[in-house]
Amino acid sequence: MGSETEVYEGVITITRSGTGFFALGENREDLIIPREALGGAFPYDVVKVVATGTIENPKTKGRRQAGKVVEVVTRARETFVGKLIQGEGSEQGLTLLIPDWKKMYTPFVVQGEALPIGHKVLIRFKGWDPRQEFPWGTVEEIIGVAGVHETEMRALALAQGFASEFPPGVERDAKALESTGEAMIAEEAM
């Protein structure tokens, strides 16, 4: 039994540079998880991790316990907002989403036709083949031209998980309140 590797499950944090950290609990140093050992995990995903020995901590030059993600249990988020760009160099021919979320350490390859380069869009994550450099997704909503105030405000709301449309009942009630609200307030005050 002693030779079996212990598997830990919990939330992973990942820096913008792509280094992961996994808390082992009180009085124990976090596992450091190098970018190549993230196993397709995104920040705040629930993952299963195993310890893999020690590596040099680039900041302190001391040794630190390392780990690798063996499974992504639950995704923290499935949709991402960002700007579409045309890939250059080794990514030539690819359309990439540069996520607005500052914690996201990788762009997404966006698949689809007539993709609006330079626009902010909402994509749905579809997968990440371990043989591919980037995860991929498809556009769910074209928000608008990047840099335009309304586009950026809507992008911010969508990135926080707010739906772009209200349910019909909410819109109906809001219109009713618009016309009868003052009378209702006056009546309540009496």
Protein backbone atom coordinates (compact mmCIF):
# COMPACT_ATOMS: atom_id res chain seq x y z
CA MET A 1 0.00 0.00 0.00
CA GLY A 2 2.83 2.42 0.80
CA SER A 3 3.95 2.55 -2.85
CA GLU A 4 0.62 3.98 -4.01
CA THR A 5 0.72 7.67 -4.77
CA GLU A 6 -1.67 9.77 -2.70
CA VAL A 7 -4.17 11.72 -4.81
CA TYR A 8 -5.34 15.07 -3.46
CA GLU A 9 -8.53 16.78 -4.62
CA GLY A 10 -9.25 20.48 -4.34
CA VAL A 11 -9.11 23.89 -5.99
CA ILE A 12 -6.03 24.91 -7.96
CA THR A 13 -4.78 28.47 -8.24
CA ILE A 14 -2.75 29.45 -11.28
CA THR A 15 -0.72 32.59 -11.87
CA ARG A 16 -0.88 34.61 -15.08
CA SER A 17 2.46 33.05 -16.08
CA GLY A 18 0.94 29.57 -15.84
CA THR A 19 2.42 28.27 -12.58
CA GLY A 20 -0.08 26.35 -10.47
CA PHE A 21 -0.32 26.07 -6.70
CA PHE A 22 -2.26 23.43 -4.81
CA ALA A 23 -2.84 23.73 -1.04
CA LEU A 24 -2.21 20.53 0.90
CA GLY A 25 -3.65 21.93 4.12
CA GLU A 26 -2.55 23.68 7.26
CA ASN A 27 1.14 23.63 8.17
CA ARG A 28 2.05 22.11 4.80
CA GLU A 29 3.64 23.99 1.94
CA ASP A 30 1.59 24.21 -1.27
CA LEU A 31 2.57 21.95 -4.14
CA ILE A 32 4.01 23.94 -7.02
CA ILE A 33 2.67 22.76 -10.37
CA PRO A 34 4.69 23.73 -13.44
CA ARG A 35 2.81 24.87 -16.55
CA GLU A 36 3.55 21.62 -18.40
CA ALA A 37 2.00 19.63 -15.51
CA LEU A 38 -1.30 21.56 -15.32
CA GLY A 39 -3.13 18.90 -17.34
CA GLY A 40 -5.41 21.46 -18.97
CA ALA A 41 -6.59 22.95 -15.66
CA PHE A 42 -7.78 26.55 -15.52
CA PRO A 43 -7.61 28.80 -12.44
CA TYR A 44 -9.96 27.71 -9.62
CA ASP A 45 -10.90 24.39 -11.23
CA VAL A 46 -11.42 21.47 -8.85
CA VAL A 47 -8.65 19.02 -9.74
CA LYS A 48 -6.97 15.81 -8.63
CA VAL A 49 -3.25 16.22 -8.03
CA VAL A 50 -0.34 13.91 -7.19
CA ALA A 51 3.04 14.87 -5.77
CA THR A 52 5.92 14.27 -8.20
CA GLY A 53 9.01 15.00 -6.12
CA THR A 54 10.81 18.30 -5.74
CA ILE A 55 11.85 21.04 -8.13
CA GLU A 56 13.85 24.22 -7.74
CA ASN A 57 11.76 27.22 -6.83
CA PRO A 58 12.84 29.86 -9.38
CA LYS A 59 12.28 32.71 -6.89
CA THR A 60 14.10 31.37 -3.82
CA LYS A 61 16.44 28.88 -5.56
CA GLY A 62 15.46 26.45 -2.79
CA ARG A 63 13.79 23.12 -3.47
CA ARG A 64 10.06 22.78 -3.25
CA GLN A 65 7.59 19.91 -3.50
CA ALA A 66 6.04 19.69 -6.97
CA GLY A 67 2.91 18.08 -8.29
CA LYS A 68 0.92 17.44 -11.42
CA VAL A 69 -2.76 17.53 -12.26
CA VAL A 70 -4.05 14.06 -13.13
CA GLU A 71 -7.71 15.02 -13.62
CA VAL A 72 -9.90 18.10 -13.92
CA VAL A 73 -12.95 17.23 -11.79
CA THR A 74 -15.02 20.41 -12.19
CA ARG A 75 -14.42 23.51 -14.29
CA ALA A 76 -14.68 26.82 -12.47
CA ARG A 77 -15.98 28.37 -15.68
CA GLU A 78 -16.98 27.23 -19.14
CA THR A 79 -17.29 30.61 -20.86
CA PHE A 80 -14.65 33.25 -21.49
CA VAL A 81 -14.80 36.81 -22.77
CA GLY A 82 -11.99 38.35 -24.76
CA LYS A 83 -10.74 39.88 -27.97
CA LEU A 84 -10.35 37.92 -31.19
CA ILE A 85 -6.98 38.26 -32.91
CA GLN A 86 -5.39 36.63 -35.94
CA GLY A 87 -2.53 34.35 -34.90
CA GLU A 88 0.98 35.18 -36.08
CA GLY A 89 4.18 33.17 -36.40
CA SER A 90 3.60 29.58 -35.30
CA GLU A 91 -0.10 30.38 -34.73
CA GLN A 92 -0.55 31.72 -38.27
CA GLY A 93 -3.91 30.78 -39.71
CA LEU A 94 -5.48 30.43 -36.26
CA THR A 95 -8.02 32.80 -34.75
CA LEU A 96 -7.22 33.28 -31.07
CA LEU A 97 -9.19 34.68 -28.16
CA ILE A 98 -7.08 36.71 -25.75
CA PRO A 99 -9.10 36.37 -22.53
CA ASP A 100 -10.00 39.49 -20.55
CA TRP A 101 -9.73 37.42 -17.34
CA LYS A 102 -6.31 38.35 -15.98
CA LYS A 103 -5.85 34.98 -14.28
CA MET A 104 -6.12 33.08 -17.58
CA TYR A 105 -2.64 32.07 -18.66
CA THR A 106 -3.40 30.85 -22.18
CA PRO A 107 -5.28 32.05 -25.25
CA PHE A 108 -7.99 29.93 -26.87
CA VAL A 109 -8.18 28.79 -30.47
CA VAL A 110 -11.61 29.85 -31.71
CA GLN A 111 -13.26 27.72 -34.35
CA GLY A 112 -15.97 28.93 -36.67
CA GLU A 113 -16.55 30.85 -39.87
CA ALA A 114 -16.45 34.61 -40.49
CA LEU A 115 -15.00 35.31 -37.05
CA PRO A 116 -14.90 39.08 -36.36
CA ILE A 117 -11.22 39.87 -35.69
CA GLY A 118 -10.83 42.85 -33.33
CA HIS A 119 -14.20 42.22 -31.68
CA LYS A 120 -14.96 41.20 -28.12
CA VAL A 121 -16.78 37.89 -27.99
CA LEU A 122 -18.06 35.35 -25.49
CA ILE A 123 -16.81 31.83 -26.22
CA ARG A 124 -17.72 28.46 -24.76
CA PHE A 125 -14.77 26.22 -23.90
CA LYS A 126 -15.05 22.96 -25.86
CA GLY A 127 -11.88 21.06 -25.07
CA TRP A 128 -8.13 20.86 -24.79
CA ASP A 129 -6.40 17.98 -26.52
CA PRO A 130 -3.17 17.22 -24.62
CA ARG A 131 -1.32 17.23 -27.96
CA GLN A 132 -2.47 20.80 -28.71
CA GLU A 133 -0.79 23.94 -27.40
CA PHE A 134 -4.04 25.79 -26.66
CA PRO A 135 -7.60 24.99 -25.54
CA TRP A 136 -10.38 25.68 -28.04
CA GLY A 137 -13.90 27.01 -28.07
CA THR A 138 -16.67 28.40 -30.20
CA VAL A 139 -18.29 31.85 -30.23
CA GLU A 140 -21.57 32.09 -28.33
CA GLU A 141 -22.01 35.83 -28.66
CA ILE A 142 -20.39 38.68 -30.54
CA ILE A 143 -20.30 41.56 -28.05
CA GLY A 144 -18.96 44.34 -30.27
CA VAL A 145 -15.85 46.17 -31.42
CA ALA A 146 -13.12 46.07 -28.76
CA GLY A 147 -12.38 49.41 -27.13
CA VAL A 148 -15.88 50.86 -27.56
CA HIS A 149 -17.31 51.83 -24.15
CA GLU A 150 -20.62 49.91 -24.50
CA THR A 151 -18.77 46.81 -25.72
CA GLU A 152 -16.33 46.90 -22.81
CA MET A 153 -19.11 47.38 -20.24
CA ARG A 154 -21.12 44.49 -21.66
CA ALA A 155 -17.97 42.34 -21.87
CA LEU A 156 -17.32 43.03 -18.20
CA ALA A 157 -20.84 41.96 -17.22
CA LEU A 158 -20.71 38.81 -19.35
CA ALA A 159 -17.27 37.91 -17.98
CA GLN A 160 -18.74 38.02 -14.47
CA GLY A 161 -21.42 35.55 -15.51
CA PHE A 162 -24.31 37.96 -15.98
CA ALA A 163 -26.65 36.94 -18.78
CA SER A 164 -26.94 39.39 -21.64
CA GLU A 165 -30.72 39.23 -21.61
CA PHE A 166 -33.28 39.38 -18.85
CA PRO A 167 -36.03 36.76 -18.72
CA PRO A 168 -39.23 38.09 -20.38
CA GLY A 169 -41.07 38.34 -17.03
CA VAL A 170 -38.42 40.65 -15.60
CA GLU A 171 -38.63 43.00 -18.59
CA ARG A 172 -42.45 43.02 -18.39
CA ASP A 173 -42.41 43.81 -14.66
CA ALA A 174 -39.81 46.56 -15.17
CA LYS A 175 -41.98 48.22 -17.84
CA ALA A 176 -45.02 47.98 -15.55
CA LEU A 177 -43.07 49.55 -12.67
CA GLU A 178 -41.93 52.34 -14.97
CA SER A 179 -45.50 53.41 -15.61
CA THR A 180 -47.10 52.63 -12.21
CA GLY A 181 -44.13 52.85 -9.83
CA GLU A 182 -44.69 56.41 -8.62
CA ALA A 183 -48.35 55.76 -7.89
CA MET A 184 -47.46 52.55 -6.01
CA ILE A 185 -44.86 54.35 -3.89
CA ALA A 186 -47.30 57.18 -3.10
CA GLU A 187 -49.98 54.64 -2.16
CA GLU A 188 -47.55 52.73 0.11
CA ALA A 189 -46.49 55.98 1.76
CA MET A 190 -50.11 56.76 2.69
